[in-house]
């Protein structure tokens, strides 16, 4: 279990339980993200929500959100005002993330302190945080998730890869 491997007080939530901790990973189907955030409402006040969802259409050929927003921005609008949303991890395939290694985790968010906290969390996993800017960039990160699926299907031929930054 990921929470056990993380230690340092990391816990896995159970379905229907109120989210605990300072950082809450929103690991639900994208169309459940806003309803779940509304359901827990004030219990999320003051927390950081890390949105890992990808709002793909049913054929996984496009995004299922309007071009001028993202599911992360929709989550932020549904959350209490003191909640900070950071989009992250959505461009990494599950098995690649589980294998670990020096992977880049792209993220976007409006609050510098929330991004710093998420960056520290990412580093604690042995990964590299890559800040892409404010939460408006979440739309493009969701597009990168879609691009990755296309590469996996057609360009690479499998899903055992990740996109990253080569600094040289």
Protein backbone atom coordinates (compact mmCIF):
# COMPACT_ATOMS: atom_id res chain seq x y z
CA UNK A 1 0.00 0.00 0.00
CA UNK A 2 1.34 3.43 -0.95
CA UNK A 3 0.47 5.08 2.38
CA UNK A 4 2.46 2.44 4.30
CA UNK A 5 5.46 2.95 2.05
CA UNK A 6 5.32 6.72 2.55
CA UNK A 7 5.24 6.63 6.33
CA UNK A 8 5.41 10.04 8.04
CA UNK A 9 1.74 9.90 8.95
CA UNK A 10 0.44 9.13 5.44
CA UNK A 11 -2.87 7.33 5.52
CA UNK A 12 -5.18 5.89 2.92
CA UNK A 13 -8.76 7.02 3.12
CA UNK A 14 -11.68 4.70 2.98
CA UNK A 15 -14.72 5.20 0.84
CA UNK A 16 -17.14 7.52 2.57
CA UNK A 17 -14.70 8.62 5.29
CA UNK A 18 -13.96 12.30 5.84
CA UNK A 19 -10.56 13.20 4.31
CA UNK A 20 -7.80 13.61 6.89
CA UNK A 21 -4.37 15.22 6.70
CA UNK A 22 -3.07 18.45 5.25
CA UNK A 23 -2.73 17.09 1.70
CA UNK A 24 -5.64 15.17 0.20
CA UNK A 25 -5.07 13.24 -3.02
CA UNK A 26 -8.26 13.34 -5.09
CA UNK A 27 -8.13 9.85 -6.62
CA UNK A 28 -11.61 9.44 -8.07
CA UNK A 29 -13.00 9.25 -11.61
CA UNK A 30 -12.93 12.78 -13.01
CA UNK A 31 -16.71 13.04 -13.22
CA UNK A 32 -16.91 12.34 -9.47
CA UNK A 33 -14.30 14.94 -8.51
CA UNK A 34 -16.57 17.97 -8.13
CA UNK A 35 -19.40 16.05 -6.41
CA UNK A 36 -16.92 14.51 -3.93
CA UNK A 37 -15.43 17.91 -3.11
CA UNK A 38 -18.92 19.35 -2.63
CA UNK A 39 -19.88 16.36 -0.47
CA UNK A 40 -17.00 16.95 1.95
CA UNK A 41 -17.20 20.76 1.75
CA UNK A 42 -15.99 22.33 4.98
CA UNK A 43 -13.98 19.22 5.93
CA UNK A 44 -11.60 20.26 3.12
CA UNK A 45 -11.17 23.83 4.39
CA UNK A 46 -7.52 24.77 4.80
CA UNK A 47 -6.31 21.60 3.07
CA UNK A 48 -4.41 21.10 -0.16
CA UNK A 49 -6.24 18.98 -2.72
CA UNK A 50 -3.99 17.29 -5.26
CA UNK A 51 -6.12 16.62 -8.33
CA UNK A 52 -4.72 13.63 -10.22
CA UNK A 53 -7.75 13.12 -12.46
CA UNK A 54 -7.86 13.19 -16.24
CA UNK A 55 -11.11 14.39 -17.81
CA UNK A 56 -11.08 12.25 -20.93
CA UNK A 57 -14.14 11.74 -23.09
CA UNK A 58 -15.52 8.19 -23.36
CA UNK A 59 -13.39 7.33 -26.41
CA UNK A 60 -10.24 8.86 -24.84
CA UNK A 61 -9.77 11.06 -27.90
CA UNK A 62 -10.44 14.42 -26.28
CA UNK A 63 -11.07 16.23 -23.05
CA UNK A 64 -14.54 16.18 -21.51
CA UNK A 65 -14.28 19.72 -20.11
CA UNK A 66 -14.63 23.03 -21.96
CA UNK A 67 -11.48 24.46 -23.53
CA UNK A 68 -11.44 27.44 -21.16
CA UNK A 69 -11.21 25.41 -17.94
CA UNK A 70 -9.97 22.18 -16.37
CA UNK A 71 -11.34 19.66 -13.92
CA UNK A 72 -8.81 21.08 -11.42
CA UNK A 73 -10.29 24.57 -11.81
CA UNK A 74 -13.77 23.13 -11.42
CA UNK A 75 -12.65 21.36 -8.22
CA UNK A 76 -11.17 24.64 -6.93
CA UNK A 77 -14.46 26.44 -7.61
CA UNK A 78 -16.38 23.77 -5.66
CA UNK A 79 -13.97 23.70 -2.70
CA UNK A 80 -14.04 26.02 0.31
CA UNK A 81 -12.22 29.30 -0.30
CA UNK A 82 -9.35 28.33 2.05
CA UNK A 83 -8.67 25.12 0.13
CA UNK A 84 -5.82 25.13 -2.39
CA UNK A 85 -5.92 22.87 -5.45
CA UNK A 86 -2.76 21.63 -7.15
CA UNK A 87 -2.94 19.59 -10.34
CA UNK A 88 -0.23 16.90 -10.30
CA UNK A 89 0.57 13.27 -11.13
CA UNK A 90 -2.00 13.06 -13.95
CA UNK A 91 0.68 12.69 -16.64
CA UNK A 92 2.20 9.55 -15.08
CA UNK A 93 0.88 6.08 -15.74
CA UNK A 94 0.17 4.04 -12.60
CA UNK A 95 2.69 1.26 -13.28
CA UNK A 96 5.45 3.72 -14.19
CA UNK A 97 4.80 5.68 -11.00
CA UNK A 98 4.76 2.48 -8.93
CA UNK A 99 8.13 1.45 -10.39
CA UNK A 100 9.61 4.68 -9.05
CA UNK A 101 12.78 6.27 -10.27
CA UNK A 102 13.67 9.81 -11.06
CA UNK A 103 10.43 10.82 -12.76
CA UNK A 104 9.19 14.34 -13.43
CA UNK A 105 5.86 15.28 -11.86
CA UNK A 106 4.31 18.26 -13.61
CA UNK A 107 2.10 20.41 -11.41
CA UNK A 108 0.08 23.62 -11.51
CA UNK A 109 -1.57 25.69 -8.81
CA UNK A 110 -2.37 29.21 -7.70
CA UNK A 111 -0.90 29.12 -4.18
CA UNK A 112 2.91 29.15 -3.82
CA UNK A 113 2.87 27.59 -0.35
CA UNK A 114 0.55 24.79 -1.48
CA UNK A 115 2.87 24.08 -4.41
CA UNK A 116 5.86 24.10 -2.06
CA UNK A 117 4.12 21.53 0.18
CA UNK A 118 3.23 19.34 -2.80
CA UNK A 119 6.79 19.71 -4.12
CA UNK A 120 8.15 18.48 -0.77
CA UNK A 121 5.74 15.52 -0.93
CA UNK A 122 6.86 14.73 -4.50
CA UNK A 123 10.53 14.90 -3.50
CA UNK A 124 9.83 12.58 -0.54
CA UNK A 125 8.76 9.99 -3.13
CA UNK A 126 12.10 10.31 -4.95
CA UNK A 127 10.48 12.22 -7.82
CA UNK A 128 11.16 15.65 -9.35
CA UNK A 129 8.49 18.36 -9.08
CA UNK A 130 8.17 20.51 -12.21
CA UNK A 131 6.09 23.65 -11.67
CA UNK A 132 4.20 24.70 -14.80
CA UNK A 133 2.54 27.81 -13.38
CA UNK A 134 -0.86 28.77 -12.07
CA UNK A 135 -3.98 26.61 -12.05
CA UNK A 136 -4.94 27.71 -15.57
CA UNK A 137 -2.10 25.45 -16.74
CA UNK A 138 -4.05 22.45 -15.40
CA UNK A 139 -6.03 22.43 -18.66
CA UNK A 140 -2.80 21.86 -20.55
CA UNK A 141 -1.59 19.22 -18.09
CA UNK A 142 -4.85 17.39 -18.69
CA UNK A 143 -4.10 17.65 -22.40
CA UNK A 144 -0.63 16.19 -21.75
CA UNK A 145 -2.37 13.25 -20.05
CA UNK A 146 -4.36 12.74 -23.26
CA UNK A 147 -1.19 13.11 -25.35
CA UNK A 148 0.48 10.42 -23.23
CA UNK A 149 -2.38 8.00 -23.90
CA UNK A 150 -2.05 8.69 -27.64
CA UNK A 151 1.69 8.07 -27.48
CA UNK A 152 1.10 4.86 -25.56
CA UNK A 153 -1.43 3.62 -28.09
CA UNK A 154 0.28 4.67 -31.31
CA UNK A 155 3.76 6.19 -30.94
CA UNK A 156 5.43 4.15 -28.22
CA UNK A 157 3.19 1.10 -28.38
CA UNK A 158 2.95 0.61 -24.60
CA UNK A 159 2.37 2.60 -21.43
CA UNK A 160 5.73 1.96 -19.78
CA UNK A 161 7.10 5.47 -20.29
CA UNK A 162 6.91 8.93 -18.83
CA UNK A 163 7.38 12.41 -20.20
CA UNK A 164 10.06 14.52 -18.61
CA UNK A 165 12.39 17.46 -18.77
CA UNK A 166 15.99 16.99 -19.81
CA UNK A 167 18.01 19.79 -18.23
CA UNK A 168 21.45 19.93 -19.68
